[in-house]
Amino acid sequence: MSHGLNPKKVLCIVYVAAMFVVAMDATVLNVALQTISRELEVPPAASGVLNVGYLVSLAIVLPMAGWLGDTWGTKRTFLLALGLFTGASVLCSFADSLAALTLFRVIQGIGGGLLTPVGMAMLFRMFPPQERAKISRALILPIAIAPAVGPVVSGLLLEYLTWRWIFYVSLPIGIPALVFGLFWLKEHREPDAGKLDVPGLLLSAPGLALLMYALSQGPLHGWDATRVWGAGLAGILLLAALVKVELRAAKPLLDLRLLGNRLFRTSGFIAMCASAGLLGMLYVFPLMYQNALHVSALDTGLTTFPEAIGLMVASQLVPWTYPRLGPRRVIIMGFAATALIFIMLSMVDAGTNPWFIRALLFGVGIFLGQTVGSVQIAAFATIPPASMGRASTWFTVQNRLGPAIGLAVLSGILAAIGTETVNAAGGMEPNLIAYRAALLGAAGFLLIGAGAALWIRDADAASTIRKPAANLPAKEQAAPAEN
């Protein structure tokens, strides 16, 4: 049922809407955790299981997302995931206990785990390489706006209504996107998807889930806690066995052979560094600003909001900078400039002008936004359409591990140095050194990413840089780059 609608525009609308509700969900919930724990009469620390349950269920379904999309059809899988996520949001609002709320969050995680890789595969199949710089606007919009809007919406709902309303915010976007996609999205199946790789699933699902659990709980309970290091060790062993099994499989669930592609391998690692550094900074800086510099939560939110504006501006610049400078230079320059800004943020104190800090965070959005957009475009430049589902799955797995690793490392720095120190009068006061060291750690992730970008060859991504030549057959594809 096309009714004259442009299928590319239809896909962008549905993709952006779905990613928006998923990206906003985390920040909306985090603000409300304290209120939820109080009203459900559980200790505040216990409410953390809501995020853990979501992350673990997401990690379990992620490995099979590409295969499900290829086998069942990308439209069917994507809309089923969006329906699960939206429906579970409604169920969360009716939960009368922490156990029920956790169960519904697990269902949300299943939907969220399928949405991103399947949606990304749909986008990169629909748009040929030379058009992907233009769709960077669609890729970065939900990343930029949703996390910034979430805390504001959550705060208003908590103040004037109840915490249950925060789970309704996805409905005005999720339901129209679901109906719109049902009628106008185009279906796609891969005829040679193969059977489900059961050994790969039995190793990857618990392996990733245990590793994500360890990374998320280590900073809270200590890395020497038996359940933390035990889960981490078990996860690593399962994933090590997965490597051996998947390299022998004819149709692996997680296609590790894709890492033989130099551009895809390097871009995936760079994306991990970018997400580790950015999410790590967005975790540490607000803590420093509120706890050490004694700024209110509202002022902290207003101060960090320009980062989202910078991301939106960056999304408009990528279609211009990417083809002119090439991915290698855009990524290196973006990482270097953002790392410098992180270092400057580590030096702020109570006397620093808030508008100067806002300008720095706006710069983070501008520079790192172009880096993230360029990495996503370049990563899939030499991936054939038939492998797009499994490639987007692997890329998403790496992107999920990035923030978990970043938060684990930076939380470890804070814990090792200590966020409080004894002053001259013998009392306790915030320790700025710990926060500054953690921000320097976030900059370190970006510098590692910049170093990795030196391995990128713009010639490998030539198909995404060049403009389509006149009269060039639409089906003609660029030759794959050398591994």
Protein backbone atom coordinates (compact mmCIF):
# COMPACT_ATOMS: atom_id res chain seq x y z
CA MET A 1 0.00 0.00 0.00
CA SER A 2 2.30 2.75 -1.17
CA HIS A 3 -0.33 5.44 -2.08
CA GLY A 4 2.50 7.44 -3.65
CA LEU A 5 4.47 7.82 -0.42
CA ASN A 6 8.24 7.84 -0.79
CA PRO A 7 9.45 4.59 0.89
CA LYS A 8 12.68 6.29 1.99
CA LYS A 9 10.79 9.05 3.79
CA VAL A 10 8.45 6.50 5.34
CA LEU A 11 11.39 4.52 6.71
CA CYS A 12 13.10 7.62 8.12
CA ILE A 13 9.90 8.73 9.89
CA VAL A 14 9.28 5.34 11.50
CA TYR A 15 12.95 4.82 12.40
CA VAL A 16 13.36 8.25 14.04
CA ALA A 17 10.11 7.87 15.99
CA ALA A 18 11.04 4.42 17.28
CA MET A 19 14.59 5.40 18.24
CA PHE A 20 13.27 8.53 19.94
CA VAL A 21 11.03 6.64 22.37
CA VAL A 22 13.80 4.13 23.13
CA ALA A 23 16.43 6.84 23.72
CA MET A 24 14.12 8.91 25.94
CA ASP A 25 13.04 5.93 28.04
CA ALA A 26 16.27 5.63 30.03
CA THR A 27 16.54 9.29 31.04
CA VAL A 28 12.84 9.51 31.88
CA LEU A 29 13.12 6.53 34.23
CA ASN A 30 16.40 7.51 35.91
CA VAL A 31 14.92 10.76 37.22
CA ALA A 32 11.96 8.88 38.70
CA LEU A 33 13.81 5.99 40.39
CA GLN A 34 13.84 7.60 43.82
CA THR A 35 10.11 8.39 43.66
CA ILE A 36 9.28 4.88 42.44
CA SER A 37 11.25 3.22 45.24
CA ARG A 38 9.51 5.39 47.83
CA GLU A 39 5.99 4.70 46.56
CA LEU A 40 6.60 0.96 46.10
CA GLU A 41 8.20 0.89 49.58
CA VAL A 42 11.54 -0.59 48.54
CA PRO A 43 15.06 0.66 49.32
CA PRO A 44 16.37 3.16 46.71
CA ALA A 45 19.24 0.81 45.84
CA ALA A 46 16.75 -1.94 45.02
CA SER A 47 15.15 0.12 42.25
CA GLY A 48 18.36 -0.25 40.26
CA VAL A 49 17.11 -3.69 39.24
CA LEU A 50 14.79 -1.92 36.79
CA ASN A 51 17.75 -0.81 34.68
CA VAL A 52 19.61 -4.08 35.18
CA GLY A 53 16.63 -6.12 34.01
CA TYR A 54 16.29 -3.95 30.93
CA LEU A 55 19.99 -4.17 30.05
CA VAL A 56 20.18 -7.93 30.57
CA SER A 57 17.09 -8.71 28.46
CA LEU A 58 18.36 -6.36 25.77
CA ALA A 59 21.70 -8.18 25.71
CA ILE A 60 19.97 -11.57 25.42
CA VAL A 61 17.97 -10.70 22.29
CA LEU A 62 20.56 -8.50 20.55
CA PRO A 63 22.54 -11.36 18.95
CA MET A 64 19.48 -12.78 17.20
CA ALA A 65 18.13 -9.46 15.92
CA GLY A 66 19.82 -9.69 12.52
CA TRP A 67 18.72 -13.28 11.92
CA LEU A 68 15.14 -12.54 12.97
CA GLY A 69 14.95 -9.58 10.61
CA ASP A 70 16.40 -11.57 7.71
CA THR A 71 14.13 -14.57 8.35
CA TRP A 72 10.81 -13.11 9.48
CA GLY A 73 11.15 -9.88 7.53
CA THR A 74 12.53 -6.56 8.71
CA LYS A 75 9.13 -4.83 8.73
CA ARG A 76 7.47 -7.55 10.78
CA THR A 77 10.36 -7.79 13.26
CA PHE A 78 10.74 -4.03 13.65
CA LEU A 79 7.03 -3.39 14.21
CA LEU A 80 6.74 -6.36 16.59
CA ALA A 81 9.65 -4.91 18.61
CA LEU A 82 8.08 -1.44 18.61
CA GLY A 83 4.75 -2.95 19.69
CA LEU A 84 6.43 -4.88 22.52
CA PHE A 85 8.27 -1.79 23.72
CA THR A 86 5.20 0.46 23.60
CA GLY A 87 2.87 -2.14 25.11
CA ALA A 88 5.30 -2.90 27.93
CA SER A 89 5.47 0.83 28.69
CA VAL A 90 1.73 0.81 29.35
CA LEU A 91 2.05 -2.29 31.53
CA CYS A 92 4.80 -0.57 33.56
CA SER A 93 2.33 2.18 34.50
CA PHE A 94 0.00 -0.39 36.10
CA ALA A 95 2.69 -2.23 38.10
CA ASP A 96 1.91 -2.47 41.81
CA SER A 97 5.20 -4.02 42.92
CA LEU A 98 8.88 -3.86 42.06
CA ALA A 99 8.77 -7.45 40.74
CA ALA A 100 5.95 -6.63 38.30
CA LEU A 101 7.65 -3.44 37.17
CA THR A 102 10.91 -5.32 36.61
CA LEU A 103 9.12 -7.96 34.53
CA PHE A 104 7.58 -5.31 32.29
CA ARG A 105 10.98 -3.60 31.96
CA VAL A 106 12.42 -6.93 30.79
CA ILE A 107 9.77 -7.03 28.06
CA GLN A 108 10.70 -3.48 27.13
CA GLY A 109 14.33 -4.58 26.88
CA ILE A 110 13.38 -7.34 24.44
CA GLY A 111 11.69 -4.79 22.18
CA GLY A 112 14.49 -2.25 22.55
CA GLY A 113 17.15 -4.88 21.80
CA LEU A 114 15.55 -5.73 18.46
CA LEU A 115 14.67 -2.21 17.33
CA THR A 116 18.09 -0.64 16.81
CA PRO A 117 19.90 -3.31 14.74
CA VAL A 118 16.86 -4.15 12.62
CA GLY A 119 16.10 -0.47 12.02
CA MET A 120 19.70 0.25 11.11
CA ALA A 121 19.76 -2.67 8.65
CA MET A 122 16.57 -1.33 7.04
CA LEU A 123 18.10 2.13 6.64
CA PHE A 124 21.37 0.99 5.11
CA ARG A 125 19.62 -1.41 2.74
CA MET A 126 17.23 1.31 1.56
CA PHE A 127 19.82 4.05 1.07
CA PRO A 128 22.80 3.38 -1.24
CA PRO A 129 26.26 4.30 0.13
CA GLN A 130 26.45 7.67 -1.64
CA GLU A 131 23.20 8.84 0.03
CA ARG A 132 24.05 7.86 3.59
CA ALA A 133 25.70 11.15 4.57
CA LYS A 134 22.35 12.86 3.93
CA ILE A 135 20.47 10.57 6.32
CA SER A 136 22.86 11.37 9.18
CA ARG A 137 20.19 13.88 10.21
CA ALA A 138 17.80 11.00 10.82
CA LEU A 139 20.43 8.89 12.58
CA ILE A 140 21.46 11.51 15.11
CA LEU A 141 18.14 13.26 15.80
CA PRO A 142 16.83 10.79 18.42
CA ILE A 143 20.29 10.55 20.01
CA ALA A 144 20.45 14.33 20.35
CA ILE A 145 16.99 15.35 21.45
CA ALA A 146 15.51 12.43 23.40
CA PRO A 147 18.07 12.14 26.24
CA ALA A 148 17.90 15.91 26.78
CA VAL A 149 14.10 16.09 26.73
CA GLY A 150 13.62 13.03 28.97
CA PRO A 151 14.65 14.55 32.32
CA VAL A 152 12.58 17.70 31.70
CA VAL A 153 9.45 15.70 30.83
CA SER A 154 9.99 13.34 33.75
CA GLY A 155 10.47 16.19 36.20
CA LEU A 156 7.24 17.89 35.10
CA LEU A 157 5.24 14.66 35.30
CA LEU A 158 6.62 13.83 38.75
CA GLU A 159 5.83 17.31 40.03
CA TYR A 160 2.30 17.63 38.70
CA LEU A 161 1.10 14.03 38.24
CA THR A 162 2.60 10.67 39.34
CA TRP A 163 5.54 8.50 38.30
CA ARG A 164 3.18 6.22 36.37
CA TRP A 165 2.72 8.91 33.74
CA ILE A 166 6.37 8.73 32.69
CA PHE A 167 5.59 5.42 30.99
CA TYR A 168 2.90 7.05 28.84
CA VAL A 169 5.31 9.44 27.11
CA SER A 170 6.11 6.84 24.46
CA LEU A 171 2.46 6.39 23.44
CA PRO A 172 1.93 9.63 21.44
CA ILE A 173 4.97 8.74 19.33
CA GLY A 174 5.08 4.94 19.44
CA ILE A 175 1.46 4.23 18.48
CA PRO A 176 1.34 6.54 15.41
CA ALA A 177 4.71 5.17 14.27
CA LEU A 178 3.39 1.62 14.65
CA VAL A 179 0.24 2.33 12.61
CA PHE A 180 2.11 4.35 9.99
CA GLY A 181 4.73 1.60 9.59
CA LEU A 182 2.07 -1.12 9.43
CA PHE A 183 0.52 0.43 6.34
CA TRP A 184 3.47 1.98 4.52
CA LEU A 185 6.73 0.27 5.46
CA LYS A 186 8.05 -2.19 2.89
CA GLU A 187 8.87 -5.75 3.86
CA HIS A 188 12.28 -7.31 3.19
CA ARG A 189 13.50 -10.86 3.73
CA GLU A 190 16.83 -12.43 2.93
CA PRO A 191 16.26 -15.64 0.95
CA ASP A 192 19.52 -17.15 2.20
CA ALA A 193 19.26 -16.30 5.90
CA GLY A 194 19.76 -19.91 6.97
CA LYS A 195 18.57 -21.70 10.10
CA LEU A 196 18.92 -20.32 13.59
CA ASP A 197 22.44 -20.83 14.91
CA VAL A 198 21.40 -22.48 18.19
CA PRO A 199 24.93 -23.02 19.61
CA GLY A 200 25.73 -19.38 18.87
CA LEU A 201 22.55 -18.23 20.62
CA LEU A 202 23.17 -20.44 23.68
CA LEU A 203 26.64 -18.92 24.08
CA SER A 204 26.09 -15.29 23.03
CA ALA A 205 22.84 -14.55 24.89
CA PRO A 206 23.98 -15.52 28.41
CA GLY A 207 27.55 -14.40 27.69
CA LEU A 208 26.54 -10.84 26.78
CA ALA A 209 23.91 -10.72 29.54
CA LEU A 210 26.40 -11.75 32.25
CA LEU A 211 29.03 -9.33 30.98
CA MET A 212 26.53 -6.43 30.88
CA TYR A 213 25.39 -7.35 34.39
CA ALA A 214 28.95 -7.30 35.69
CA LEU A 215 29.79 -3.99 34.02
CA SER A 216 26.63 -2.31 35.33
CA GLN A 217 26.86 -3.69 38.89
CA GLY A 218 30.61 -3.50 39.45
CA PRO A 219 30.63 0.25 40.22
CA LEU A 220 27.68 -0.17 42.63
CA HIS A 221 28.68 -3.29 44.59
CA GLY A 222 32.45 -3.30 44.09
CA TRP A 223 34.48 -5.35 41.64
CA ASP A 224 35.51 -7.73 44.39
CA ALA A 225 31.88 -8.77 45.03
CA THR A 226 31.49 -12.46 44.18
CA ARG A 227 28.39 -11.95 42.07
CA VAL A 228 30.09 -9.24 40.04
CA TRP A 229 33.41 -10.87 39.19
CA GLY A 230 31.72 -14.28 38.96
CA ALA A 231 29.22 -13.00 36.37
CA GLY A 232 31.96 -11.17 34.48
CA LEU A 233 34.25 -14.21 34.37
CA ALA A 234 31.42 -16.51 33.26
CA GLY A 235 30.41 -14.03 30.56
CA ILE A 236 33.97 -13.76 29.23
CA LEU A 237 34.36 -17.56 29.14
CA LEU A 238 31.09 -17.98 27.25
CA LEU A 239 32.05 -15.30 24.73
CA ALA A 240 35.49 -16.87 24.27
CA ALA A 241 33.79 -20.17 23.44
CA LEU A 242 31.46 -18.25 21.12
CA VAL A 243 34.38 -17.06 19.01
CA LYS A 244 35.51 -20.63 18.36
CA VAL A 245 32.00 -21.85 17.57
CA GLU A 246 31.00 -18.95 15.32
CA LEU A 247 34.15 -19.12 13.19
CA ARG A 248 33.22 -22.70 12.30
CA ALA A 249 29.52 -22.05 11.63
CA ALA A 250 28.34 -21.70 8.02
CA LYS A 251 25.66 -19.12 9.00
CA PRO A 252 26.77 -17.71 12.37
CA LEU A 253 24.42 -15.69 14.54
CA LEU A 254 27.19 -13.16 15.23
CA ASP A 255 29.25 -13.12 12.06
CA LEU A 256 32.78 -12.59 13.37
CA ARG A 257 34.10 -12.87 9.82
CA LEU A 258 32.80 -9.36 9.29
CA LEU A 259 35.67 -8.21 11.49
CA GLY A 260 37.96 -9.24 8.64
CA ASN A 261 36.70 -6.12 6.88
CA ARG A 262 39.19 -3.44 7.96
CA LEU A 263 36.81 -0.49 7.66
CA PHE A 264 33.95 -2.19 9.53
CA ARG A 265 36.30 -3.50 12.24
CA THR A 266 37.96 -0.13 12.83
CA SER A 267 34.70 1.85 12.70
CA GLY A 268 33.07 -0.46 15.25
CA PHE A 269 35.96 0.03 17.68
CA ILE A 270 35.87 3.81 17.15
CA ALA A 271 32.11 3.84 17.82
CA MET A 272 32.76 2.03 21.13
CA CYS A 273 35.31 4.66 22.13
CA ALA A 274 32.95 7.51 21.18
CA SER A 275 30.03 6.11 23.19
CA ALA A 276 32.27 5.27 26.16
CA GLY A 277 33.71 8.79 26.24
CA LEU A 278 30.49 10.73 25.64
CA LEU A 279 28.21 8.74 27.96
CA GLY A 280 30.99 8.65 30.54
CA MET A 281 31.31 12.44 30.47
CA LEU A 282 27.53 12.90 30.65
CA TYR A 283 27.60 10.69 33.77
CA VAL A 284 30.57 12.29 35.54
CA PHE A 285 30.15 15.99 34.78
CA PRO A 286 26.60 16.36 36.21
CA LEU A 287 27.78 14.53 39.34
CA MET A 288 30.70 16.94 39.70
CA TYR A 289 28.56 19.97 38.99
CA GLN A 290 25.94 19.04 41.60
CA ASN A 291 27.92 17.23 44.29
CA ALA A 292 31.24 19.06 44.20
CA LEU A 293 30.24 22.52 42.91
CA HIS A 294 26.81 22.52 44.60
CA VAL A 295 24.74 23.50 41.57
CA SER A 296 21.04 22.53 41.55
CA ALA A 297 19.73 19.67 39.42
CA LEU A 298 17.68 22.10 37.30
CA ASP A 299 20.68 24.35 36.60
CA THR A 300 22.77 21.28 35.80
CA GLY A 301 20.19 20.15 33.26
CA LEU A 302 20.06 23.58 31.65
CA THR A 303 23.85 23.70 31.53
CA THR A 304 24.24 20.31 29.83
CA PHE A 305 21.33 20.85 27.39
CA PRO A 306 23.48 22.76 24.82
CA GLU A 307 25.28 19.48 24.11
CA ALA A 308 22.05 18.20 22.52
CA ILE A 309 21.72 21.41 20.49
CA GLY A 310 25.28 20.93 19.27
CA LEU A 311 24.45 17.37 18.18
CA MET A 312 21.50 18.65 16.17
CA VAL A 313 23.66 21.27 14.45
CA ALA A 314 26.30 18.62 13.76
CA SER A 315 23.73 16.45 12.01
CA GLN A 316 23.23 19.28 9.52
CA LEU A 317 26.97 19.67 8.97
CA VAL A 318 27.85 16.02 8.31
CA PRO A 319 26.44 15.95 4.74
CA TRP A 320 28.81 18.86 3.97
CA THR A 321 31.95 17.90 5.94
CA TYR A 322 31.93 14.13 5.33
CA PRO A 323 32.29 14.13 1.52
CA ARG A 324 34.73 17.06 1.52
CA LEU A 325 37.07 15.98 4.32
CA GLY A 326 36.53 12.22 4.29
CA PRO A 327 35.78 10.07 7.36
CA ARG A 328 39.40 9.81 8.52
CA ARG A 329 39.92 13.55 8.99
CA VAL A 330 36.42 14.24 10.34
CA ILE A 331 36.80 11.52 12.98
CA ILE A 332 40.33 12.46 14.06
CA MET A 333 39.56 16.19 14.22
CA GLY A 334 36.29 15.56 16.05
CA PHE A 335 37.89 13.30 18.65
CA ALA A 336 40.86 15.61 19.20
CA ALA A 337 38.68 18.72 19.63
CA THR A 338 36.25 16.93 21.96
CA ALA A 339 39.07 15.47 24.06
CA LEU A 340 40.44 19.01 24.49
CA ILE A 341 37.00 20.21 25.60
CA PHE A 342 36.77 17.35 28.13
CA ILE A 343 40.12 18.45 29.55
CA MET A 344 38.82 22.02 29.84
CA LEU A 345 35.65 20.75 31.56
CA SER A 346 37.82 18.97 34.11
CA MET A 347 39.26 22.36 35.12
CA VAL A 348 35.99 24.17 35.90
CA ASP A 349 35.33 25.27 39.45
CA ALA A 350 32.68 27.17 41.40
CA GLY A 351 33.80 30.47 39.86
CA THR A 352 33.55 29.35 36.23
CA ASN A 353 30.95 31.24 34.19
CA PRO A 354 28.04 28.83 33.43
CA TRP A 355 27.76 30.22 29.89
CA PHE A 356 31.37 29.27 29.25
CA ILE A 357 30.56 25.71 30.37
CA ARG A 358 27.46 25.68 28.13
CA ALA A 359 29.60 26.82 25.21
CA LEU A 360 32.03 23.97 25.87
CA LEU A 361 29.20 21.42 25.96
CA PHE A 362 27.75 22.88 22.76
CA GLY A 363 31.19 22.28 21.24
CA VAL A 364 31.08 18.66 22.43
CA GLY A 365 27.87 18.19 20.48
CA ILE A 366 29.26 19.89 17.37
CA PHE A 367 32.54 17.94 17.17
CA LEU A 368 31.54 14.56 18.54
CA GLY A 369 28.24 14.65 16.68
CA GLN A 370 30.07 14.81 13.37
CA THR A 371 32.36 12.00 14.49
CA VAL A 372 29.47 9.71 15.44
CA GLY A 373 27.65 10.46 12.20
CA SER A 374 30.75 9.81 10.10
CA VAL A 375 31.51 6.54 11.87
CA GLN A 376 28.00 5.20 11.24
CA ILE A 377 28.20 6.14 7.57
CA ALA A 378 31.66 4.70 7.00
CA ALA A 379 31.14 1.48 8.97
CA PHE A 380 28.74 -0.03 6.42
CA ALA A 381 30.35 1.35 3.26
CA THR A 382 31.66 -2.05 2.12
CA ILE A 383 29.02 -4.32 3.67
CA PRO A 384 26.87 -6.04 1.01
CA PRO A 385 23.07 -5.81 1.47
CA ALA A 386 22.77 -9.54 2.22
CA SER A 387 25.05 -9.15 5.26
CA MET A 388 23.52 -5.89 6.50
CA GLY A 389 21.32 -7.54 9.16
CA ARG A 390 24.17 -9.36 10.88
CA ALA A 391 26.51 -6.37 10.44
CA SER A 392 24.06 -3.99 12.12
CA THR A 393 23.61 -6.52 14.95
CA TRP A 394 27.35 -6.72 15.59
CA PHE A 395 27.70 -2.93 15.37
CA THR A 396 24.88 -2.47 17.90
CA VAL A 397 26.42 -5.00 20.29
CA GLN A 398 29.64 -2.98 20.26
CA ASN A 399 27.73 0.27 20.78
CA ARG A 400 25.96 -1.18 23.82
CA LEU A 401 29.21 -2.39 25.33
CA GLY A 402 30.85 1.04 24.87
CA PRO A 403 28.79 2.97 27.44
CA ALA A 404 28.90 0.03 29.87
CA ILE A 405 32.70 -0.08 29.67
CA GLY A 406 32.96 3.71 29.91
CA LEU A 407 30.77 3.95 32.99
CA ALA A 408 32.57 1.02 34.61
CA VAL A 409 36.02 2.57 34.07
CA LEU A 410 35.05 6.10 35.11
CA SER A 411 33.11 4.88 38.14
CA GLY A 412 36.19 2.88 39.06
CA ILE A 413 38.31 6.04 38.88
CA LEU A 414 35.86 7.88 41.13
CA ALA A 415 35.84 5.03 43.64
CA ALA A 416 39.63 4.59 43.61
CA ILE A 417 40.37 8.26 44.30
CA GLY A 418 37.30 8.89 46.44
CA THR A 419 34.64 11.54 45.89
CA GLU A 420 35.10 12.92 49.41
CA THR A 421 38.18 14.11 51.27
CA VAL A 422 39.04 15.47 54.72
CA ASN A 423 39.44 19.24 54.87
CA ALA A 424 41.72 21.27 57.15
CA ALA A 425 39.05 21.43 59.83
CA GLY A 426 38.72 17.65 59.94
CA GLY A 427 35.35 17.58 58.18
CA MET A 428 34.41 15.93 54.91
CA GLU A 429 34.12 17.83 51.65
CA PRO A 430 33.75 16.87 47.96
CA ASN A 431 36.97 15.80 46.27
CA LEU A 432 37.19 17.64 42.95
CA ILE A 433 40.31 15.68 42.00
CA ALA A 434 38.33 12.45 41.62
CA TYR A 435 35.83 14.01 39.21
CA ARG A 436 38.58 15.72 37.24
CA ALA A 437 40.49 12.47 36.89
CA ALA A 438 37.35 10.72 35.66
CA LEU A 439 36.77 13.43 33.03
CA LEU A 440 40.37 12.99 31.89
CA GLY A 441 39.59 9.27 31.64
CA ALA A 442 36.67 10.11 29.35
CA ALA A 443 39.04 12.17 27.21
CA GLY A 444 41.35 9.16 27.13
CA PHE A 445 38.66 7.05 25.42
CA LEU A 446 38.38 9.69 22.71
CA LEU A 447 42.15 9.86 22.18
CA ILE A 448 42.20 6.07 21.78
CA GLY A 449 39.47 6.45 19.18
CA ALA A 450 41.46 9.14 17.38
CA GLY A 451 44.46 6.81 17.28
CA ALA A 452 42.32 4.01 15.84
CA ALA A 453 41.02 6.40 13.15
CA LEU A 454 44.56 6.61 11.74
CA TRP A 455 43.89 3.11 10.34
CA ILE A 456 40.96 4.31 8.28
CA ARG A 457 41.55 4.76 4.57
CA ASP A 458 39.16 7.14 2.87
CA ALA A 459 39.50 5.03 -0.27
CA ASP A 460 37.75 2.18 1.55
CA ALA A 461 34.73 4.42 2.10
CA ALA A 462 34.80 5.93 -1.39
CA SER A 463 31.28 4.72 -2.19
CA THR A 464 29.88 6.90 0.63
CA ILE A 465 31.92 9.97 -0.32
CA ARG A 466 31.42 10.29 -4.05
CA LYS A 467 28.30 11.80 -5.52
CA PRO A 468 26.22 9.55 -7.77
CA ALA A 469 27.37 10.00 -11.34
CA ALA A 470 24.84 10.89 -14.00
CA ASN A 471 23.38 7.93 -15.82
CA LEU A 472 25.07 5.47 -13.49
CA PRO A 473 22.93 2.33 -13.18
CA ALA A 474 21.20 2.30 -9.79
CA LYS A 475 22.13 -1.33 -9.16
CA GLU A 476 25.83 -0.75 -9.64
CA GLN A 477 27.71 -1.06 -6.37
CA ALA A 478 31.16 0.07 -5.42
CA ALA A 479 33.79 -2.63 -5.22
CA PRO A 480 34.39 -3.80 -1.65
CA ALA A 481 37.47 -2.46 0.04
CA GLU A 482 40.51 -4.52 0.73
CA ASN A 483 40.46 -6.23 4.11
